[in-house]
Structure formats: structure tokens, C-alpha cells
Amino acid sequence: MADAVMTRREWKIRATARLAGTESPALVAGMLLCHVLGIDKVALVAHDDEPVSPQAGEELEALLLRRLAGEPVAYLLGEREFYGRDFLVNRHTLIPRPETEHLVEEALFFFQGKEQVRFLDLGTGSGCIAVTLAAERPSWQGTAVDVSADALEKAEANAARHGTAKRLTFLHADFTLPLPLEEGSFDLVVSNPPYVSEEEYAALDAGVRNFEPRSALVPGPQGLEHPRAVEAAARALLKEGGLFLMEHGHLQGEACRALCPDAYWTDVRTGRDLAGKDRFLSAVRRSGV
């Protein structure tokens, strides 16, 4: 296929046919063309009779074979959109999901009108949460923590890409251990930690299991091992009245609320995603404890 000289339209038609049985084959074929050719969708449609060069054909064939092997499109393109911005991703980072945008929305709503907010993002991965918060609120400052040096490298690249690098600190550390951060110094602790149990992981789509980093998905047999550690970190590092936000699995709402004892937390609730499923924990650090 890569050896034949084809127009863009012909390549897309043939690629779509080869991708039959995968998700959105025509859309993906067009995305791959735009990515390799460095054009947008408008140019692809307007100039679909232009030939695909042999070099571009080889690149396209390689990407097509990776997609046919089940690799997620985000890894093929090297980026994924999150909260209106494109974030660089690779196989060291989870692919950002729309559900995680709820954490950003909740934080922005809770602190609306507050100019100075210091936040902590535990398990930052691609940096999509930390970078988005800093981009949406230019006066906010944050610290992003991850145990993976490779993930932090990508997060720093995303911060530079979106002009937030000067207001973000990146810390290579394991948040399940005590962090070298001042207690009671953050207004917001936010996290999308690993929360998938071993049993749930075995049932995940092969594209997730075979390509996305397992360590960013599975914290242990029960799935609550890292959420428990995140709550402990938030308890220690939040200011009185500070906000704690944590994404979790759709069956973990009650269990995650139970991680927040009344002695330390108030306004403990579960937020839902657009599908109406339990998706994140929200809690406020009590005063005087």
C-alpha cells in the first residue's frame, strides 16, 4: 500500500476499509493523514486529489499497522485534547480522559474570584490537570508530583507548550511516601491517582491494557491503595478550608468517601460525570485539627 502512488482521497478510502471493525475508521484515517502531512481537516478536503508522496506513504503505513495492532490513536498522534488544549502524550503517560476535566471544573468553581491559589497535583502524568489549572488562572501556582521521571518530562514539555512553566514546580517523588513539602501550605490538592483493581484491570479494553502504563492504572489488588495515600497527603498538606479533589472509579464513591474521617473533613461528597456515574471525591479540610 505504501509503495503505490495514491491521492489523499484514495489513501483515506483504502485505509478506512482496512480499519473496518475499529473505532471510527474514517475519522482515524483522516487524522493520520493530517498528522503525517502537517495539514488540517479543511486542507485535507480541499486538496484531496493531491498525491501522497512515497515518504509520507511509508509513515502512514507504519501508523496504520500500529493502529491495526490496537495502539490508541493518541499515541499514534503523540497528543490528546484536554479542556480545549492539546497535550503531548506517550506510553509513559496515561491518555487524558474527558472525565478528568470535572476536577478542573470543580476547582475553578470552588475558587472563583480568588486570585492567589497554591495547588498540588499528585500523580500528574502528562500534566494535563496542573497545566490546565495554571493556564486557566494565570495568577495560580502549583506543584506537580509524579514517581515517573519520563512522565514528568512530558508534563514539563506540556507546561512549556502552554506557557505555564514559570508557575509550576515539578517534583519527582512517590506520593505514597512523605513528601518534602510544607504541611498546611496548599489551598487545593487534586489527583487522578491509579485506582483500578486487579480484577477490573483484567476486564479493561486491550488497547488500554496493552499500551497504557499499568503503574498509572493499578495501585494494588483492591484499587484503593493509592486513593488512601492521596487522602493522607491531602490531610497533611492542605490549609484549613482547603479543597481536596480526587478522581476514582465509578463503583468507588462510597469507599472513597469512607477514606475521609469526619474529624478532618467536611462537605464530603461524590461528584458525577456526564453519564451520571460516580466519578470524583470532593472534601474540605476542617479547621482546628
Protein backbone atom coordinates (compact mmCIF):
# COMPACT_ATOMS: atom_id res chain seq x y z
CA MET A 1 0.00 0.00 0.00
CA ALA A 2 2.79 2.41 0.87
CA ASP A 3 4.57 1.71 -2.45
CA ALA A 4 1.65 2.73 -4.68
CA VAL A 5 1.19 6.38 -5.61
CA MET A 6 -2.26 7.38 -4.43
CA THR A 7 -4.15 10.58 -3.91
CA ARG A 8 -5.09 11.60 -0.40
CA ARG A 9 -8.67 10.61 -1.12
CA GLU A 10 -7.64 7.17 -2.37
CA TRP A 11 -5.40 6.58 0.64
CA LYS A 12 -8.16 7.53 3.03
CA ILE A 13 -10.68 5.23 1.34
CA ARG A 14 -8.32 2.26 1.43
CA ALA A 15 -7.19 2.96 4.99
CA THR A 16 -10.79 3.25 6.14
CA ALA A 17 -11.52 -0.15 4.66
CA ARG A 18 -8.51 -1.68 6.39
CA LEU A 19 -9.56 -0.14 9.70
CA ALA A 20 -13.07 -1.59 9.47
CA GLY A 21 -14.00 -3.06 12.83
CA THR A 22 -12.01 -0.47 14.78
CA GLU A 23 -13.48 2.68 16.30
CA SER A 24 -14.29 5.49 13.81
CA PRO A 25 -12.19 4.17 10.92
CA ALA A 26 -12.82 7.06 8.50
CA LEU A 27 -12.16 9.67 11.17
CA VAL A 28 -8.93 7.97 12.23
CA ALA A 29 -7.74 7.63 8.63
CA GLY A 30 -8.25 11.34 8.13
CA MET A 31 -6.48 12.18 11.40
CA LEU A 32 -3.47 10.12 10.39
CA LEU A 33 -3.31 11.88 7.03
CA CYS A 34 -3.49 15.32 8.63
CA HIS A 35 -0.83 14.34 11.18
CA VAL A 36 1.70 12.99 8.67
CA LEU A 37 1.08 15.67 6.05
CA GLY A 38 1.01 18.54 8.55
CA ILE A 39 -2.32 19.87 7.34
CA ASP A 40 -5.74 20.49 8.87
CA LYS A 41 -9.09 18.92 8.00
CA VAL A 42 -10.05 21.79 5.73
CA ALA A 43 -6.91 21.39 3.62
CA LEU A 44 -7.42 17.64 3.50
CA VAL A 45 -10.87 18.04 1.99
CA ALA A 46 -9.96 20.93 -0.30
CA HIS A 47 -6.90 19.19 -1.75
CA ASP A 48 -7.86 15.53 -1.56
CA ASP A 49 -6.73 14.93 -5.15
CA GLU A 50 -3.07 15.66 -4.34
CA PRO A 51 -0.73 12.65 -4.38
CA VAL A 52 0.67 11.07 -1.22
CA SER A 53 4.45 11.05 -1.53
CA PRO A 54 6.33 7.75 -1.08
CA GLN A 55 7.89 9.01 2.16
CA ALA A 56 4.52 10.07 3.57
CA GLY A 57 3.09 6.75 2.40
CA GLU A 58 5.67 4.85 4.42
CA GLU A 59 4.96 6.90 7.55
CA LEU A 60 1.23 6.41 7.09
CA GLU A 61 1.60 2.67 6.61
CA ALA A 62 3.64 2.37 9.80
CA LEU A 63 0.99 4.28 11.77
CA LEU A 64 -1.79 2.26 10.19
CA LEU A 65 -0.17 -1.00 11.22
CA ARG A 66 0.22 0.27 14.78
CA ARG A 67 -3.46 1.18 14.87
CA LEU A 68 -4.43 -2.22 13.48
CA ALA A 69 -2.41 -3.74 16.33
CA GLY A 70 -4.68 -1.90 18.76
CA GLU A 71 -2.49 1.05 19.75
CA PRO A 72 -4.57 4.07 20.85
CA VAL A 73 -4.84 6.91 18.36
CA ALA A 74 -3.49 9.41 20.90
CA TYR A 75 -0.16 7.58 20.99
CA LEU A 76 -0.02 7.49 17.20
CA LEU A 77 -0.55 11.24 17.01
CA GLY A 78 1.52 11.98 20.12
CA GLU A 79 -1.16 14.20 21.65
CA ARG A 80 -4.69 14.33 23.03
CA GLU A 81 -7.04 17.22 23.63
CA PHE A 82 -7.94 18.10 27.23
CA TYR A 83 -10.05 21.07 28.29
CA GLY A 84 -9.59 22.71 24.90
CA ARG A 85 -5.81 22.30 24.72
CA ASP A 86 -3.65 19.68 23.03
CA PHE A 87 -1.37 17.76 25.39
CA LEU A 88 1.68 15.77 24.39
CA VAL A 89 1.44 12.12 25.43
CA ASN A 90 3.47 8.96 25.05
CA ARG A 91 3.43 5.47 26.52
CA HIS A 92 4.86 6.77 29.80
CA THR A 93 1.68 8.79 30.43
CA LEU A 94 -1.98 7.95 30.63
CA ILE A 95 -4.11 9.36 27.85
CA PRO A 96 -6.18 12.25 29.30
CA ARG A 97 -9.89 11.46 29.55
CA PRO A 98 -12.86 13.84 29.39
CA GLU A 99 -13.99 12.63 32.84
CA THR A 100 -10.90 14.17 34.42
CA GLU A 101 -12.00 17.61 33.23
CA HIS A 102 -14.55 17.56 36.06
CA LEU A 103 -11.70 18.03 38.54
CA VAL A 104 -10.65 21.21 36.75
CA GLU A 105 -14.22 22.50 36.62
CA GLU A 106 -14.77 21.84 40.32
CA ALA A 107 -11.55 23.59 41.31
CA LEU A 108 -12.30 26.65 39.18
CA PHE A 109 -15.82 26.88 40.60
CA PHE A 110 -14.75 26.47 44.24
CA PHE A 111 -12.07 29.16 43.98
CA GLN A 112 -13.93 31.53 41.67
CA GLY A 113 -12.86 35.09 42.36
CA LYS A 114 -9.80 34.05 44.36
CA GLU A 115 -6.64 35.37 42.77
CA GLN A 116 -3.95 33.55 44.72
CA VAL A 117 -4.29 29.77 44.87
CA ARG A 118 -1.49 27.32 45.53
CA PHE A 119 -2.30 23.82 44.34
CA LEU A 120 -0.75 20.37 44.40
CA ASP A 121 -1.33 17.75 41.69
CA LEU A 122 -0.47 14.23 42.86
CA GLY A 123 0.34 11.78 40.06
CA THR A 124 0.40 14.43 37.36
CA GLY A 125 1.22 12.16 34.40
CA SER A 126 1.04 14.30 31.25
CA GLY A 127 0.44 17.33 33.48
CA CYS A 128 -2.99 17.92 31.99
CA ILE A 129 -4.61 18.93 35.30
CA ALA A 130 -1.81 21.13 36.63
CA VAL A 131 -1.10 22.82 33.30
CA THR A 132 -4.79 23.44 32.67
CA LEU A 133 -5.35 25.00 36.10
CA ALA A 134 -2.34 27.26 35.61
CA ALA A 135 -3.44 28.17 32.08
CA GLU A 136 -7.00 28.94 33.14
CA ARG A 137 -5.89 31.01 36.14
CA PRO A 138 -2.66 32.91 35.37
CA SER A 139 -2.20 34.00 38.99
CA TRP A 140 -2.29 30.46 40.41
CA GLN A 141 0.84 28.49 41.21
CA GLY A 142 1.22 24.76 41.56
CA THR A 143 3.40 21.76 42.25
CA ALA A 144 3.05 18.60 40.16
CA VAL A 145 4.30 15.29 41.54
CA ASP A 146 4.96 12.02 39.77
CA VAL A 147 7.05 8.94 40.51
CA SER A 148 7.85 8.53 36.79
CA ALA A 149 10.69 10.71 35.53
CA ASP A 150 9.56 10.04 31.96
CA ALA A 151 6.05 11.25 32.72
CA LEU A 152 7.40 14.39 34.41
CA GLU A 153 9.48 15.14 31.33
CA LYS A 154 6.33 15.11 29.22
CA ALA A 155 4.46 17.21 31.81
CA GLU A 156 7.21 19.83 31.74
CA ALA A 157 7.04 19.87 27.95
CA ASN A 158 3.30 20.49 28.15
CA ALA A 159 3.82 23.29 30.64
CA ALA A 160 6.27 24.93 28.24
CA ARG A 161 3.87 24.38 25.35
CA HIS A 162 1.06 26.20 27.14
CA GLY A 163 3.09 28.95 28.77
CA THR A 164 2.73 27.83 32.38
CA ALA A 165 6.24 26.54 33.15
CA LYS A 166 7.22 29.53 35.32
CA ARG A 167 4.29 28.96 37.68
CA LEU A 168 4.64 25.21 38.06
CA THR A 169 7.16 23.17 40.02
CA PHE A 170 7.70 19.55 39.04
CA LEU A 171 8.68 17.12 41.77
CA HIS A 172 9.98 13.61 41.09
CA ALA A 173 8.62 11.73 44.09
CA ASP A 174 6.37 8.93 45.28
CA PHE A 175 3.24 10.44 46.82
CA THR A 176 2.61 7.27 48.82
CA LEU A 177 5.61 8.32 50.93
CA PRO A 178 6.07 11.56 52.92
CA LEU A 179 6.70 14.42 50.51
CA PRO A 180 9.28 17.18 51.05
CA LEU A 181 6.56 19.82 51.18
CA GLU A 182 5.42 22.13 53.96
CA GLU A 183 2.39 20.91 55.84
CA GLY A 184 -0.74 23.03 55.57
CA SER A 185 0.65 25.05 52.68
CA PHE A 186 -1.75 24.29 49.80
CA ASP A 187 -5.20 25.65 49.04
CA LEU A 188 -6.01 22.75 46.73
CA VAL A 189 -4.89 19.15 46.43
CA VAL A 190 -6.08 17.46 43.26
CA SER A 191 -5.33 13.98 41.98
CA ASN A 192 -6.24 11.40 39.37
CA PRO A 193 -4.37 8.52 41.01
CA PRO A 194 -4.20 4.87 39.97
CA TYR A 195 -7.48 3.37 41.20
CA VAL A 196 -8.18 0.29 39.06
CA SER A 197 -8.29 -3.02 40.94
CA GLU A 198 -6.55 -6.11 39.62
CA GLU A 199 -9.93 -7.62 38.76
CA GLU A 200 -11.09 -4.50 36.90
CA TYR A 201 -7.79 -4.26 35.03
CA ALA A 202 -8.21 -7.75 33.61
CA ALA A 203 -11.52 -6.64 32.08
CA LEU A 204 -10.26 -3.41 30.53
CA ASP A 205 -10.08 -2.89 26.78
CA ALA A 206 -6.97 -4.43 25.24
CA GLY A 207 -5.92 -1.04 23.91
CA VAL A 208 -5.61 0.17 27.49
CA ARG A 209 -4.02 -2.97 28.95
CA ASN A 210 -1.51 -3.43 26.14
CA PHE A 211 -0.37 0.14 25.70
CA GLU A 212 -1.09 2.50 28.61
CA PRO A 213 1.25 2.31 31.63
CA ARG A 214 -0.07 -0.26 34.09
CA SER A 215 1.54 1.51 37.03
CA ALA A 216 -0.61 4.58 36.34
CA LEU A 217 -3.77 2.49 36.45
CA VAL A 218 -3.37 -0.22 39.10
CA PRO A 219 -2.20 0.69 42.63
CA GLY A 220 -2.76 -2.77 44.10
CA PRO A 221 -5.26 -5.61 44.36
CA GLN A 222 -8.16 -3.52 45.70
CA GLY A 223 -7.70 -0.31 43.72
CA LEU A 224 -7.90 1.90 46.82
CA GLU A 225 -4.26 1.70 47.85
CA HIS A 226 -3.28 4.98 46.17
CA PRO A 227 -6.52 6.85 46.88
CA ARG A 228 -5.86 6.10 50.56
CA ALA A 229 -2.34 7.54 50.26
CA VAL A 230 -3.64 10.61 48.43
CA GLU A 231 -6.13 11.31 51.22
CA ALA A 232 -3.32 11.11 53.79
CA ALA A 233 -1.19 13.52 51.78
CA ALA A 234 -4.09 15.93 51.29
CA ARG A 235 -4.90 15.83 55.01
CA ALA A 236 -1.34 16.84 55.86
CA LEU A 237 -0.68 19.36 53.13
CA LEU A 238 -3.94 21.28 52.81
CA LYS A 239 -4.61 24.53 54.61
CA GLU A 240 -7.69 24.72 56.82
CA GLY A 241 -10.64 25.20 54.49
CA GLY A 242 -8.65 23.87 51.57
CA LEU A 243 -10.23 21.72 48.86
CA PHE A 244 -9.44 18.08 48.13
CA LEU A 245 -10.46 16.65 44.75
CA MET A 246 -9.74 13.09 43.62
CA GLU A 247 -10.95 11.09 40.65
CA HIS A 248 -12.00 7.49 41.29
CA GLY A 249 -13.75 4.57 39.67
CA HIS A 250 -17.50 4.67 39.13
CA LEU A 251 -18.04 2.00 41.80
CA GLN A 252 -15.75 3.60 44.39
CA GLY A 253 -17.81 6.58 45.50
CA GLU A 254 -18.82 5.21 48.89
CA ALA A 255 -15.42 3.66 49.56
CA CYS A 256 -13.60 6.91 48.80
CA ARG A 257 -15.93 8.95 50.99
CA ALA A 258 -15.14 6.49 53.77
CA LEU A 259 -11.46 7.41 53.42
CA CYS A 260 -12.26 10.90 54.74
CA PRO A 261 -12.95 10.79 58.50
CA ASP A 262 -15.26 13.45 59.93
CA ALA A 263 -12.56 14.55 62.32
CA TYR A 264 -10.55 16.01 59.44
CA TRP A 265 -13.02 16.63 56.61
CA THR A 266 -16.30 18.37 55.99
CA ASP A 267 -18.57 18.69 52.93
CA VAL A 268 -17.50 15.24 51.78
CA ARG A 269 -19.39 14.33 48.62
CA THR A 270 -19.20 12.38 45.39
CA GLY A 271 -19.36 14.18 42.06
CA ARG A 272 -20.76 12.54 38.96
CA ASP A 273 -19.65 12.59 35.34
CA LEU A 274 -21.82 13.41 32.33
CA ALA A 275 -23.02 9.81 32.19
CA GLY A 276 -24.35 10.15 35.73
CA LYS A 277 -21.73 7.82 37.20
CA ASP A 278 -19.83 8.47 40.42
CA ARG A 279 -16.50 9.93 39.28
CA PHE A 280 -14.72 12.05 41.88
CA LEU A 281 -14.44 12.86 45.56
CA SER A 282 -14.71 16.39 46.90
CA ALA A 283 -13.94 17.30 50.50
CA VAL A 284 -12.95 20.39 52.52
CA ARG A 285 -10.24 20.32 55.19
CA ARG A 286 -11.70 21.07 58.61
CA SER A 287 -10.40 23.91 60.70
CA GLY A 288 -8.78 23.43 64.08
CA VAL A 289 -7.45 19.90 63.51
